[in-house]
PDB file of N, CA and C in Angstrom:
ATOM      1  N   UNK A   1      20.963  -0.763 -15.519  1.00  0.00           N
ATOM      2  CA  UNK A   1      20.558  -1.437 -14.308  1.00  0.00           C
ATOM      3  C   UNK A   1      19.613  -2.565 -14.704  1.00  0.00           C
ATOM      4  N   UNK A   2      19.834  -3.737 -14.148  1.00  0.00           N
ATOM      5  CA  UNK A   2      18.962  -4.865 -14.455  1.00  0.00           C
ATOM      6  C   UNK A   2      18.193  -5.282 -13.209  1.00  0.00           C
ATOM      7  N   UNK A   3      17.033  -5.839 -13.437  1.00  0.00           N
ATOM      8  CA  UNK A   3      16.160  -6.299 -12.361  1.00  0.00           C
ATOM      9  C   UNK A   3      16.547  -7.710 -11.945  1.00  0.00           C
ATOM     10  N   UNK A   4      16.652  -7.935 -10.653  1.00  0.00           N
ATOM     11  CA  UNK A   4      16.926  -9.266 -10.117  1.00  0.00           C
ATOM     12  C   UNK A   4      15.681  -9.738  -9.396  1.00  0.00           C
ATOM     13  N   UNK A   5      15.154 -10.866  -9.818  1.00  0.00           N
ATOM     14  CA  UNK A   5      13.936 -11.392  -9.213  1.00  0.00           C
ATOM     15  C   UNK A   5      14.243 -11.914  -7.811  1.00  0.00           C
ATOM     16  N   UNK A   6      13.370 -11.606  -6.881  1.00  0.00           N
ATOM     17  CA  UNK A   6      13.524 -12.076  -5.508  1.00  0.00           C
ATOM     18  C   UNK A   6      12.663 -13.312  -5.327  1.00  0.00           C
ATOM     19  N   UNK A   7      13.279 -14.405  -4.960  1.00  0.00           N
ATOM     20  CA  UNK A   7      12.558 -15.655  -4.737  1.00  0.00           C
ATOM     21  C   UNK A   7      12.324 -15.846  -3.246  1.00  0.00           C
ATOM     22  N   UNK A   8      11.266 -16.558  -2.916  1.00  0.00           N
ATOM     23  CA  UNK A   8      10.967 -16.837  -1.518  1.00  0.00           C
ATOM     24  C   UNK A   8      10.240 -18.165  -1.433  1.00  0.00           C
ATOM     25  N   UNK A   9      10.205 -18.705  -0.224  1.00  0.00           N
ATOM     26  CA  UNK A   9       9.566 -20.004  -0.029  1.00  0.00           C
ATOM     27  C   UNK A   9       8.233 -19.897   0.688  1.00  0.00           C
ATOM     28  N   UNK A  10       7.788 -18.697   1.004  1.00  0.00           N
ATOM     29  CA  UNK A  10       6.502 -18.511   1.665  1.00  0.00           C
ATOM     30  C   UNK A  10       5.501 -17.942   0.679  1.00  0.00           C
ATOM     31  N   UNK A  11       4.234 -18.214   0.965  1.00  0.00           N
ATOM     32  CA  UNK A  11       3.161 -17.736   0.098  1.00  0.00           C
ATOM     33  C   UNK A  11       2.942 -16.246   0.347  1.00  0.00           C
ATOM     34  N   UNK A  12       2.936 -15.462  -0.695  1.00  0.00           N
ATOM     35  CA  UNK A  12       2.885 -14.000  -0.579  1.00  0.00           C
ATOM     36  C   UNK A  12       1.462 -13.492  -0.386  1.00  0.00           C
ATOM     37  N   UNK A  13       0.866 -13.796   0.749  1.00  0.00           N
ATOM     38  CA  UNK A  13      -0.477 -13.296   1.052  1.00  0.00           C
ATOM     39  C   UNK A  13      -0.408 -12.077   1.972  1.00  0.00           C
ATOM     40  N   UNK A  14       0.811 -11.701   2.366  1.00  0.00           N
ATOM     41  CA  UNK A  14       0.957 -10.589   3.285  1.00  0.00           C
ATOM     42  C   UNK A  14       1.808  -9.494   2.666  1.00  0.00           C
ATOM     43  N   UNK A  15       1.477  -8.254   3.001  1.00  0.00           N
ATOM     44  CA  UNK A  15       2.291  -7.111   2.615  1.00  0.00           C
ATOM     45  C   UNK A  15       2.895  -6.553   3.890  1.00  0.00           C
ATOM     46  N   UNK A  16       4.089  -6.059   3.808  1.00  0.00           N
ATOM     47  CA  UNK A  16       4.746  -5.394   4.923  1.00  0.00           C
ATOM     48  C   UNK A  16       4.553  -3.892   4.748  1.00  0.00           C
ATOM     49  N   UNK A  17       4.050  -3.238   5.771  1.00  0.00           N
ATOM     50  CA  UNK A  17       3.857  -1.785   5.751  1.00  0.00           C
ATOM     51  C   UNK A  17       4.360  -1.257   7.071  1.00  0.00           C
ATOM     52  N   UNK A  18       5.428  -0.452   7.074  1.00  0.00           N
ATOM     53  CA  UNK A  18       6.089  -0.070   8.324  1.00  0.00           C
ATOM     54  C   UNK A  18       5.238   0.717   9.307  1.00  0.00           C
ATOM     55  N   UNK A  19       4.157   1.341   8.859  1.00  0.00           N
ATOM     56  CA  UNK A  19       3.308   2.117   9.759  1.00  0.00           C
ATOM     57  C   UNK A  19       2.133   1.316  10.284  1.00  0.00           C
ATOM     58  N   UNK A  20       2.031   0.049   9.872  1.00  0.00           N
ATOM     59  CA  UNK A  20       0.915  -0.784  10.315  1.00  0.00           C
ATOM     60  C   UNK A  20       1.024  -1.038  11.811  1.00  0.00           C
ATOM     61  N   UNK A  21      -0.087  -1.066  12.475  1.00  0.00           N
ATOM     62  CA  UNK A  21      -0.090  -1.331  13.915  1.00  0.00           C
ATOM     63  C   UNK A  21       0.472  -2.721  14.210  1.00  0.00           C
ATOM     64  N   UNK A  22       1.062  -2.887  15.353  1.00  0.00           N
ATOM     65  CA  UNK A  22       1.600  -4.152  15.850  1.00  0.00           C
ATOM     66  C   UNK A  22       2.786  -4.630  15.025  1.00  0.00           C
ATOM     67  N   UNK A  23       2.628  -5.670  14.208  1.00  0.00           N
ATOM     68  CA  UNK A  23       3.777  -6.308  13.566  1.00  0.00           C
ATOM     69  C   UNK A  23       4.073  -5.828  12.152  1.00  0.00           C
ATOM     70  N   UNK A  24       3.325  -4.877  11.623  1.00  0.00           N
ATOM     71  CA  UNK A  24       3.586  -4.361  10.286  1.00  0.00           C
ATOM     72  C   UNK A  24       3.012  -5.189   9.163  1.00  0.00           C
ATOM     73  N   UNK A  25       2.346  -6.299   9.485  1.00  0.00           N
ATOM     74  CA  UNK A  25       1.783  -7.172   8.462  1.00  0.00           C
ATOM     75  C   UNK A  25       0.380  -6.703   8.120  1.00  0.00           C
ATOM     76  N   UNK A  26       0.106  -6.611   6.845  1.00  0.00           N
ATOM     77  CA  UNK A  26      -1.169  -6.112   6.339  1.00  0.00           C
ATOM     78  C   UNK A  26      -2.018  -7.287   5.870  1.00  0.00           C
ATOM     79  N   UNK A  27      -3.302  -7.251   6.185  1.00  0.00           N
ATOM     80  CA  UNK A  27      -4.204  -8.295   5.715  1.00  0.00           C
ATOM     81  C   UNK A  27      -4.592  -8.016   4.263  1.00  0.00           C
ATOM     82  N   UNK A  28      -4.413  -9.015   3.431  1.00  0.00           N
ATOM     83  CA  UNK A  28      -4.753  -8.917   2.013  1.00  0.00           C
ATOM     84  C   UNK A  28      -5.932  -9.829   1.735  1.00  0.00           C
ATOM     85  N   UNK A  29      -6.942  -9.287   1.058  1.00  0.00           N
ATOM     86  CA  UNK A  29      -8.080 -10.096   0.620  1.00  0.00           C
ATOM     87  C   UNK A  29      -7.894 -10.339  -0.872  1.00  0.00           C
ATOM     88  N   UNK A  30      -7.794 -11.590  -1.250  1.00  0.00           N
ATOM     89  CA  UNK A  30      -7.552 -11.945  -2.643  1.00  0.00           C
ATOM     90  C   UNK A  30      -8.467 -13.109  -3.003  1.00  0.00           C
ATOM     91  N   UNK A  31      -9.643 -12.770  -3.551  1.00  0.00           N
ATOM     92  CA  UNK A  31     -10.632 -13.781  -3.928  1.00  0.00           C
ATOM     93  C   UNK A  31     -10.710 -13.872  -5.448  1.00  0.00           C
ATOM     94  N   UNK A  32     -11.603 -14.696  -5.950  1.00  0.00           N
ATOM     95  CA  UNK A  32     -11.800 -14.815  -7.397  1.00  0.00           C
ATOM     96  C   UNK A  32     -12.383 -13.542  -7.989  1.00  0.00           C
ATOM     97  N   UNK A  33     -13.104 -12.768  -7.177  1.00  0.00           N
ATOM     98  CA  UNK A  33     -13.790 -11.581  -7.658  1.00  0.00           C
ATOM     99  C   UNK A  33     -13.013 -10.284  -7.451  1.00  0.00           C
ATOM    100  N   UNK A  34     -12.236 -10.193  -6.344  1.00  0.00           N
ATOM    101  CA  UNK A  34     -11.596  -8.909  -6.037  1.00  0.00           C
ATOM    102  C   UNK A  34     -10.278  -9.085  -5.301  1.00  0.00           C
ATOM    103  N   UNK A  35      -9.522  -7.998  -5.318  1.00  0.00           N
ATOM    104  CA  UNK A  35      -8.294  -7.874  -4.559  1.00  0.00           C
ATOM    105  C   UNK A  35      -8.448  -6.628  -3.691  1.00  0.00           C
ATOM    106  N   UNK A  36      -8.055  -6.720  -2.403  1.00  0.00           N
ATOM    107  CA  UNK A  36      -8.199  -5.575  -1.505  1.00  0.00           C
ATOM    108  C   UNK A  36      -7.131  -5.618  -0.426  1.00  0.00           C
ATOM    109  N   UNK A  37      -6.605  -4.449  -0.099  1.00  0.00           N
ATOM    110  CA  UNK A  37      -5.625  -4.321   0.972  1.00  0.00           C
ATOM    111  C   UNK A  37      -5.861  -2.984   1.667  1.00  0.00           C
ATOM    112  N   UNK A  38      -5.651  -2.946   2.981  1.00  0.00           N
ATOM    113  CA  UNK A  38      -5.816  -1.713   3.748  1.00  0.00           C
ATOM    114  C   UNK A  38      -4.524  -1.359   4.461  1.00  0.00           C
ATOM    115  N   UNK A  39      -4.022  -0.143   4.244  1.00  0.00           N
ATOM    116  CA  UNK A  39      -2.772   0.315   4.846  1.00  0.00           C
ATOM    117  C   UNK A  39      -3.038   1.440   5.835  1.00  0.00           C
ATOM    118  N   UNK A  40      -2.378   1.412   6.971  1.00  0.00           N
ATOM    119  CA  UNK A  40      -2.520   2.437   7.994  1.00  0.00           C
ATOM    120  C   UNK A  40      -1.680   3.657   7.598  1.00  0.00           C
ATOM    121  N   UNK A  41      -2.355   4.745   7.226  1.00  0.00           N
ATOM    122  CA  UNK A  41      -1.671   5.989   6.855  1.00  0.00           C
ATOM    123  C   UNK A  41      -2.215   7.152   7.682  1.00  0.00           C
ATOM    124  N   UNK A  42      -2.527   6.878   8.944  1.00  0.00           N
ATOM    125  CA  UNK A  42      -3.182   7.848   9.811  1.00  0.00           C
ATOM    126  C   UNK A  42      -2.379   9.149   9.956  1.00  0.00           C
ATOM    127  N   UNK A  43      -1.081   9.105   9.746  1.00  0.00           N
ATOM    128  CA  UNK A  43      -0.251  10.293   9.916  1.00  0.00           C
ATOM    129  C   UNK A  43      -0.250  11.212   8.697  1.00  0.00           C
ATOM    130  N   UNK A  44      -0.948  10.828   7.626  1.00  0.00           N
ATOM    131  CA  UNK A  44      -0.892  11.569   6.373  1.00  0.00           C
ATOM    132  C   UNK A  44      -2.271  12.063   5.947  1.00  0.00           C
ATOM    133  N   UNK A  45      -2.281  13.189   5.241  1.00  0.00           N
ATOM    134  CA  UNK A  45      -3.515  13.719   4.653  1.00  0.00           C
ATOM    135  C   UNK A  45      -3.650  13.155   3.236  1.00  0.00           C
ATOM    136  N   UNK A  46      -4.834  13.255   2.649  1.00  0.00           N
ATOM    137  CA  UNK A  46      -5.005  12.742   1.278  1.00  0.00           C
ATOM    138  C   UNK A  46      -4.009  13.339   0.281  1.00  0.00           C
ATOM    139  N   UNK A  47      -3.670  14.609   0.432  1.00  0.00           N
ATOM    140  CA  UNK A  47      -2.738  15.253  -0.499  1.00  0.00           C
ATOM    141  C   UNK A  47      -1.300  14.754  -0.326  1.00  0.00           C
ATOM    142  N   UNK A  48      -1.012  14.103   0.780  1.00  0.00           N
ATOM    143  CA  UNK A  48       0.342  13.608   1.053  1.00  0.00           C
ATOM    144  C   UNK A  48       0.530  12.148   0.639  1.00  0.00           C
ATOM    145  N   UNK A  49      -0.504  11.544   0.077  1.00  0.00           N
ATOM    146  CA  UNK A  49      -0.469  10.131  -0.308  1.00  0.00           C
ATOM    147  C   UNK A  49      -0.573  10.024  -1.824  1.00  0.00           C
ATOM    148  N   UNK A  50       0.304   9.208  -2.398  1.00  0.00           N
ATOM    149  CA  UNK A  50       0.315   9.004  -3.841  1.00  0.00           C
ATOM    150  C   UNK A  50       0.267   7.507  -4.111  1.00  0.00           C
ATOM    151  N   UNK A  51      -0.700   7.069  -4.919  1.00  0.00           N
ATOM    152  CA  UNK A  51      -0.829   5.662  -5.309  1.00  0.00           C
ATOM    153  C   UNK A  51      -0.712   5.599  -6.825  1.00  0.00           C
ATOM    154  N   UNK A  52       0.249   4.811  -7.316  1.00  0.00           N
ATOM    155  CA  UNK A  52       0.465   4.695  -8.760  1.00  0.00           C
ATOM    156  C   UNK A  52       0.509   3.233  -9.168  1.00  0.00           C
ATOM    157  N   UNK A  53       0.160   2.993 -10.412  1.00  0.00           N
ATOM    158  CA  UNK A  53       0.277   1.661 -11.004  1.00  0.00           C
ATOM    159  C   UNK A  53       1.381   1.730 -12.040  1.00  0.00           C
ATOM    160  N   UNK A  54       2.339   0.807 -11.938  1.00  0.00           N
ATOM    161  CA  UNK A  54       3.433   0.725 -12.894  1.00  0.00           C
ATOM    162  C   UNK A  54       3.500  -0.710 -13.390  1.00  0.00           C
ATOM    163  N   UNK A  55       2.930  -0.947 -14.570  1.00  0.00           N
ATOM    164  CA  UNK A  55       2.852  -2.317 -15.073  1.00  0.00           C
ATOM    165  C   UNK A  55       1.907  -3.110 -14.192  1.00  0.00           C
ATOM    166  N   UNK A  56       2.411  -4.173 -13.574  1.00  0.00           N
ATOM    167  CA  UNK A  56       1.588  -4.970 -12.660  1.00  0.00           C
ATOM    168  C   UNK A  56       2.037  -4.784 -11.206  1.00  0.00           C
ATOM    169  N   UNK A  57       2.616  -3.618 -10.950  1.00  0.00           N
ATOM    170  CA  UNK A  57       3.023  -3.247  -9.598  1.00  0.00           C
ATOM    171  C   UNK A  57       2.247  -2.030  -9.153  1.00  0.00           C
ATOM    172  N   UNK A  58       2.045  -1.934  -7.860  1.00  0.00           N
ATOM    173  CA  UNK A  58       1.410  -0.752  -7.295  1.00  0.00           C
ATOM    174  C   UNK A  58       2.443  -0.102  -6.383  1.00  0.00           C
ATOM    175  N   UNK A  59       2.563   1.218  -6.488  1.00  0.00           N
ATOM    176  CA  UNK A  59       3.533   1.966  -5.694  1.00  0.00           C
ATOM    177  C   UNK A  59       2.761   2.915  -4.791  1.00  0.00           C
ATOM    178  N   UNK A  60       3.025   2.822  -3.497  1.00  0.00           N
ATOM    179  CA  UNK A  60       2.386   3.691  -2.508  1.00  0.00           C
ATOM    180  C   UNK A  60       3.472   4.566  -1.902  1.00  0.00           C
ATOM    181  N   UNK A  61       3.278   5.880  -1.997  1.00  0.00           N
ATOM    182  CA  UNK A  61       4.228   6.838  -1.426  1.00  0.00           C
ATOM    183  C   UNK A  61       3.448   7.799  -0.541  1.00  0.00           C
ATOM    184  N   UNK A  62       3.906   7.968   0.672  1.00  0.00           N
ATOM    185  CA  UNK A  62       3.284   8.910   1.604  1.00  0.00           C
ATOM    186  C   UNK A  62       4.395   9.711   2.270  1.00  0.00           C
ATOM    187  N   UNK A  63       4.236  11.034   2.303  1.00  0.00           N
ATOM    188  CA  UNK A  63       5.282  11.879   2.882  1.00  0.00           C
ATOM    189  C   UNK A  63       4.692  13.180   3.391  1.00  0.00           C
ATOM    190  N   UNK A  64       5.284  13.683   4.462  1.00  0.00           N
ATOM    191  CA  UNK A  64       4.979  15.040   4.904  1.00  0.00           C
ATOM    192  C   UNK A  64       6.225  15.666   5.500  1.00  0.00           C
ATOM    193  N   UNK A  65       6.298  16.988   5.351  1.00  0.00           N
ATOM    194  CA  UNK A  65       7.424  17.741   5.875  1.00  0.00           C
ATOM    195  C   UNK A  65       7.354  17.773   7.399  1.00  0.00           C
ATOM    196  N   UNK A  66       8.397  18.258   8.020  1.00  0.00           N
ATOM    197  CA  UNK A  66       8.448  18.335   9.480  1.00  0.00           C
ATOM    198  C   UNK A  66       7.278  19.161  10.003  1.00  0.00           C
ATOM    199  N   UNK A  67       6.618  18.603  11.003  1.00  0.00           N
ATOM    200  CA  UNK A  67       5.546  19.322  11.674  1.00  0.00           C
ATOM    201  C   UNK A  67       5.662  19.071  13.162  1.00  0.00           C
ATOM    202  N   UNK A  68       5.141  19.978  13.938  1.00  0.00           N
ATOM    203  CA  UNK A  68       5.252  19.887  15.391  1.00  0.00           C
ATOM    204  C   UNK A  68       4.151  19.010  15.958  1.00  0.00           C
ATOM    205  N   UNK A  69       4.511  18.257  16.999  1.00  0.00           N
ATOM    206  CA  UNK A  69       3.523  17.524  17.784  1.00  0.00           C
ATOM    207  C   UNK A  69       3.873  17.717  19.253  1.00  0.00           C
ATOM    208  N   UNK A  70       3.284  16.943  20.136  1.00  0.00           N
ATOM    209  CA  UNK A  70       3.506  17.118  21.576  1.00  0.00           C
ATOM    210  C   UNK A  70       4.943  16.840  22.007  1.00  0.00           C
ATOM    211  N   UNK A  71       5.702  16.137  21.178  1.00  0.00           N
ATOM    212  CA  UNK A  71       7.053  15.722  21.557  1.00  0.00           C
ATOM    213  C   UNK A  71       8.143  16.490  20.818  1.00  0.00           C
ATOM    214  N   UNK A  72       7.776  17.369  19.907  1.00  0.00           N
ATOM    215  CA  UNK A  72       8.753  18.116  19.112  1.00  0.00           C
ATOM    216  C   UNK A  72       8.335  18.139  17.664  1.00  0.00           C
ATOM    217  N   UNK A  73       9.309  17.971  16.772  1.00  0.00           N
ATOM    218  CA  UNK A  73       9.010  17.967  15.331  1.00  0.00           C
ATOM    219  C   UNK A  73       9.230  16.575  14.768  1.00  0.00           C
ATOM    220  N   UNK A  74       8.395  16.224  13.781  1.00  0.00           N
ATOM    221  CA  UNK A  74       8.496  14.914  13.154  1.00  0.00           C
ATOM    222  C   UNK A  74       8.218  15.052  11.657  1.00  0.00           C
ATOM    223  N   UNK A  75       8.966  14.293  10.855  1.00  0.00           N
ATOM    224  CA  UNK A  75       8.657  14.174   9.429  1.00  0.00           C
ATOM    225  C   UNK A  75       8.631  12.687   9.113  1.00  0.00           C
ATOM    226  N   UNK A  76       7.814  12.328   8.142  1.00  0.00           N
ATOM    227  CA  UNK A  76       7.665  10.915   7.768  1.00  0.00           C
ATOM    228  C   UNK A  76       7.644  10.794   6.253  1.00  0.00           C
ATOM    229  N   UNK A  77       8.208   9.679   5.767  1.00  0.00           N
ATOM    230  CA  UNK A  77       8.127   9.359   4.353  1.00  0.00           C
ATOM    231  C   UNK A  77       8.265   7.853   4.197  1.00  0.00           C
ATOM    232  N   UNK A  78       7.321   7.274   3.464  1.00  0.00           N
ATOM    233  CA  UNK A  78       7.312   5.833   3.226  1.00  0.00           C
ATOM    234  C   UNK A  78       7.011   5.598   1.752  1.00  0.00           C
ATOM    235  N   UNK A  79       7.770   4.727   1.131  1.00  0.00           N
ATOM    236  CA  UNK A  79       7.494   4.299  -0.239  1.00  0.00           C
ATOM    237  C   UNK A  79       7.597   2.791  -0.289  1.00  0.00           C
ATOM    238  N   UNK A  80       6.576   2.157  -0.844  1.00  0.00           N
ATOM    239  CA  UNK A  80       6.590   0.703  -1.014  1.00  0.00           C
ATOM    240  C   UNK A  80       6.055   0.378  -2.396  1.00  0.00           C
ATOM    241  N   UNK A  81       6.653  -0.615  -3.020  1.00  0.00           N
ATOM    242  CA  UNK A  81       6.193  -1.127  -4.301  1.00  0.00           C
ATOM    243  C   UNK A  81       5.803  -2.577  -4.091  1.00  0.00           C
ATOM    244  N   UNK A  82       4.616  -2.938  -4.541  1.00  0.00           N
ATOM    245  CA  UNK A  82       4.103  -4.292  -4.354  1.00  0.00           C
ATOM    246  C   UNK A  82       3.714  -4.893  -5.702  1.00  0.00           C
ATOM    247  N   UNK A  83       4.066  -6.155  -5.903  1.00  0.00           N
ATOM    248  CA  UNK A  83       3.631  -6.883  -7.103  1.00  0.00           C
ATOM    249  C   UNK A  83       2.202  -7.348  -6.867  1.00  0.00           C
ATOM    250  N   UNK A  84       1.347  -7.059  -7.820  1.00  0.00           N
ATOM    251  CA  UNK A  84      -0.048  -7.475  -7.735  1.00  0.00           C
ATOM    252  C   UNK A  84      -0.205  -8.888  -8.280  1.00  0.00           C
ATOM    253  N   UNK A  85      -1.208  -9.615  -7.805  1.00  0.00           N
ATOM    254  CA  UNK A  85      -1.482 -10.923  -8.399  1.00  0.00           C
ATOM    255  C   UNK A  85      -1.748 -10.774  -9.898  1.00  0.00           C
ATOM    256  N   UNK A  86      -1.354 -11.750 -10.673  1.00  0.00           N
ATOM    257  CA  UNK A  86      -1.466 -11.686 -12.132  1.00  0.00           C
ATOM    258  C   UNK A  86      -2.897 -11.519 -12.628  1.00  0.00           C
ATOM    259  N   UNK A  87      -3.885 -11.992 -11.862  1.00  0.00           N
ATOM    260  CA  UNK A  87      -5.271 -11.904 -12.325  1.00  0.00           C
ATOM    261  C   UNK A  87      -5.969 -10.599 -11.949  1.00  0.00           C
ATOM    262  N   UNK A  88      -5.237  -9.631 -11.392  1.00  0.00           N
ATOM    263  CA  UNK A  88      -5.828  -8.332 -11.057  1.00  0.00           C
ATOM    264  C   UNK A  88      -5.932  -7.491 -12.324  1.00  0.00           C
ATOM    265  N   UNK A  89      -7.090  -6.891 -12.534  1.00  0.00           N
ATOM    266  CA  UNK A  89      -7.308  -5.971 -13.642  1.00  0.00           C
ATOM    267  C   UNK A  89      -6.823  -4.595 -13.192  1.00  0.00           C
ATOM    268  N   UNK A  90      -5.625  -4.208 -13.605  1.00  0.00           N
ATOM    269  CA  UNK A  90      -5.020  -2.964 -13.120  1.00  0.00           C
ATOM    270  C   UNK A  90      -5.821  -1.723 -13.520  1.00  0.00           C
ATOM    271  N   UNK A  91      -6.651  -1.820 -14.543  1.00  0.00           N
ATOM    272  CA  UNK A  91      -7.479  -0.680 -14.961  1.00  0.00           C
ATOM    273  C   UNK A  91      -8.577  -0.379 -13.945  1.00  0.00           C
ATOM    274  N   UNK A  92      -8.845  -1.309 -13.028  1.00  0.00           N
ATOM    275  CA  UNK A  92      -9.932  -1.123 -12.057  1.00  0.00           C
ATOM    276  C   UNK A  92      -9.438  -0.716 -10.673  1.00  0.00           C
ATOM    277  N   UNK A  93      -8.159  -0.474 -10.524  1.00  0.00           N
ATOM    278  CA  UNK A  93      -7.611  -0.143  -9.203  1.00  0.00           C
ATOM    279  C   UNK A  93      -8.160   1.195  -8.729  1.00  0.00           C
ATOM    280  N   UNK A  94      -8.637   1.181  -7.482  1.00  0.00           N
ATOM    281  CA  UNK A  94      -9.160   2.388  -6.836  1.00  0.00           C
ATOM    282  C   UNK A  94      -8.573   2.463  -5.433  1.00  0.00           C
ATOM    283  N   UNK A  95      -8.470   3.679  -4.894  1.00  0.00           N
ATOM    284  CA  UNK A  95      -8.028   3.833  -3.513  1.00  0.00           C
ATOM    285  C   UNK A  95      -8.985   4.763  -2.787  1.00  0.00           C
ATOM    286  N   UNK A  96      -9.124   4.527  -1.491  1.00  0.00           N
ATOM    287  CA  UNK A  96     -10.024   5.324  -0.665  1.00  0.00           C
ATOM    288  C   UNK A  96      -9.396   5.492   0.712  1.00  0.00           C
ATOM    289  N   UNK A  97      -9.380   6.719   1.219  1.00  0.00           N
ATOM    290  CA  UNK A  97      -8.845   7.000   2.548  1.00  0.00           C
ATOM    291  C   UNK A  97     -10.002   7.218   3.510  1.00  0.00           C
ATOM    292  N   UNK A  98     -10.078   6.384   4.547  1.00  0.00           N
ATOM    293  CA  UNK A  98     -11.160   6.513   5.523  1.00  0.00           C
ATOM    294  C   UNK A  98     -10.828   7.608   6.535  1.00  0.00           C
ATOM    295  N   UNK A  99     -11.829   8.025   7.298  1.00  0.00           N
ATOM    296  CA  UNK A  99     -11.628   9.013   8.350  1.00  0.00           C
ATOM    297  C   UNK A  99     -10.684   8.503   9.438  1.00  0.00           C
ATOM    298  N   UNK A 100     -10.581   7.191   9.576  1.00  0.00           N
ATOM    299  CA  UNK A 100      -9.700   6.588  10.576  1.00  0.00           C
ATOM    300  C   UNK A 100      -8.262   6.446  10.085  1.00  0.00           C
ATOM    301  N   UNK A 101      -7.983   6.886   8.849  1.00  0.00           N
ATOM    302  CA  UNK A 101      -6.626   6.851   8.330  1.00  0.00           C
ATOM    303  C   UNK A 101      -6.211   5.544   7.689  1.00  0.00           C
ATOM    304  N   UNK A 102      -7.187   4.783   7.183  1.00  0.00           N
ATOM    305  CA  UNK A 102      -6.874   3.532   6.488  1.00  0.00           C
ATOM    306  C   UNK A 102      -7.030   3.763   4.986  1.00  0.00           C
ATOM    307  N   UNK A 103      -5.948   3.543   4.258  1.00  0.00           N
ATOM    308  CA  UNK A 103      -5.966   3.629   2.806  1.00  0.00           C
ATOM    309  C   UNK A 103      -6.320   2.256   2.266  1.00  0.00           C
ATOM    310  N   UNK A 104      -7.497   2.138   1.657  1.00  0.00           N
ATOM    311  CA  UNK A 104      -7.944   0.866   1.102  1.00  0.00           C
ATOM    312  C   UNK A 104      -7.746   0.905  -0.404  1.00  0.00           C
ATOM    313  N   UNK A 105      -7.024  -0.079  -0.910  1.00  0.00           N
ATOM    314  CA  UNK A 105      -6.774  -0.215  -2.345  1.00  0.00           C
ATOM    315  C   UNK A 105      -7.535  -1.447  -2.815  1.00  0.00           C
ATOM    316  N   UNK A 106      -8.380  -1.269  -3.830  1.00  0.00           N
ATOM    317  CA  UNK A 106      -9.189  -2.380  -4.336  1.00  0.00           C
ATOM    318  C   UNK A 106      -9.057  -2.483  -5.854  1.00  0.00           C
ATOM    319  N   UNK A 107      -9.305  -3.685  -6.348  1.00  0.00           N
ATOM    320  CA  UNK A 107      -9.316  -3.918  -7.794  1.00  0.00           C
ATOM    321  C   UNK A 107     -10.160  -5.134  -8.081  1.00  0.00           C
ATOM    322  N   UNK A 108     -10.747  -5.138  -9.260  1.00  0.00           N
ATOM    323  CA  UNK A 108     -11.482  -6.311  -9.728  1.00  0.00           C
ATOM    324  C   UNK A 108     -10.503  -7.298 -10.357  1.00  0.00           C
ATOM    325  N   UNK A 109     -10.972  -8.515 -10.522  1.00  0.00           N
ATOM    326  CA  UNK A 109     -10.157  -9.542 -11.188  1.00  0.00           C
ATOM    327  C   UNK A 109     -10.503  -9.564 -12.659  1.00  0.00           C
ATOM    328  N   UNK A 110      -9.570 -10.012 -13.480  1.00  0.00           N
ATOM    329  CA  UNK A 110      -9.793 -10.141 -14.922  1.00  0.00           C
ATOM    330  C   UNK A 110     -10.855 -11.188 -15.159  1.00  0.00           C
ATOM    331  N   UNK A 111     -11.685 -10.957 -16.154  1.00  0.00           N
ATOM    332  CA  UNK A 111     -12.759 -11.896 -16.485  1.00  0.00           C
ATOM    333  C   UNK A 111     -12.319 -12.860 -17.544  1.00  0.00           C
TER     334      UNK A 111
END
């Protein structure tokens, strides 16, 4: 299997995350000092979220088995792979899940 590069004509300052409120577009902060993105994962517990670094890509996987809610049973699973900016120091990537269900991924820039 070979990799085919995807080209686009828009500036890649946005990430698409299907669970994000409203339009699914995620705000990315990309300055000279840091990189930061926040993803809405309110439906998942910390044990159901997996964040991995593969080369210069970050892979976010969140899944849970069927569980009951007010409307019946629901199961969810989302996997996204994102290319990081070239100046991100992948050794500094950290993730934090807030009480409000926002997964914040941060990294420092290469010096």
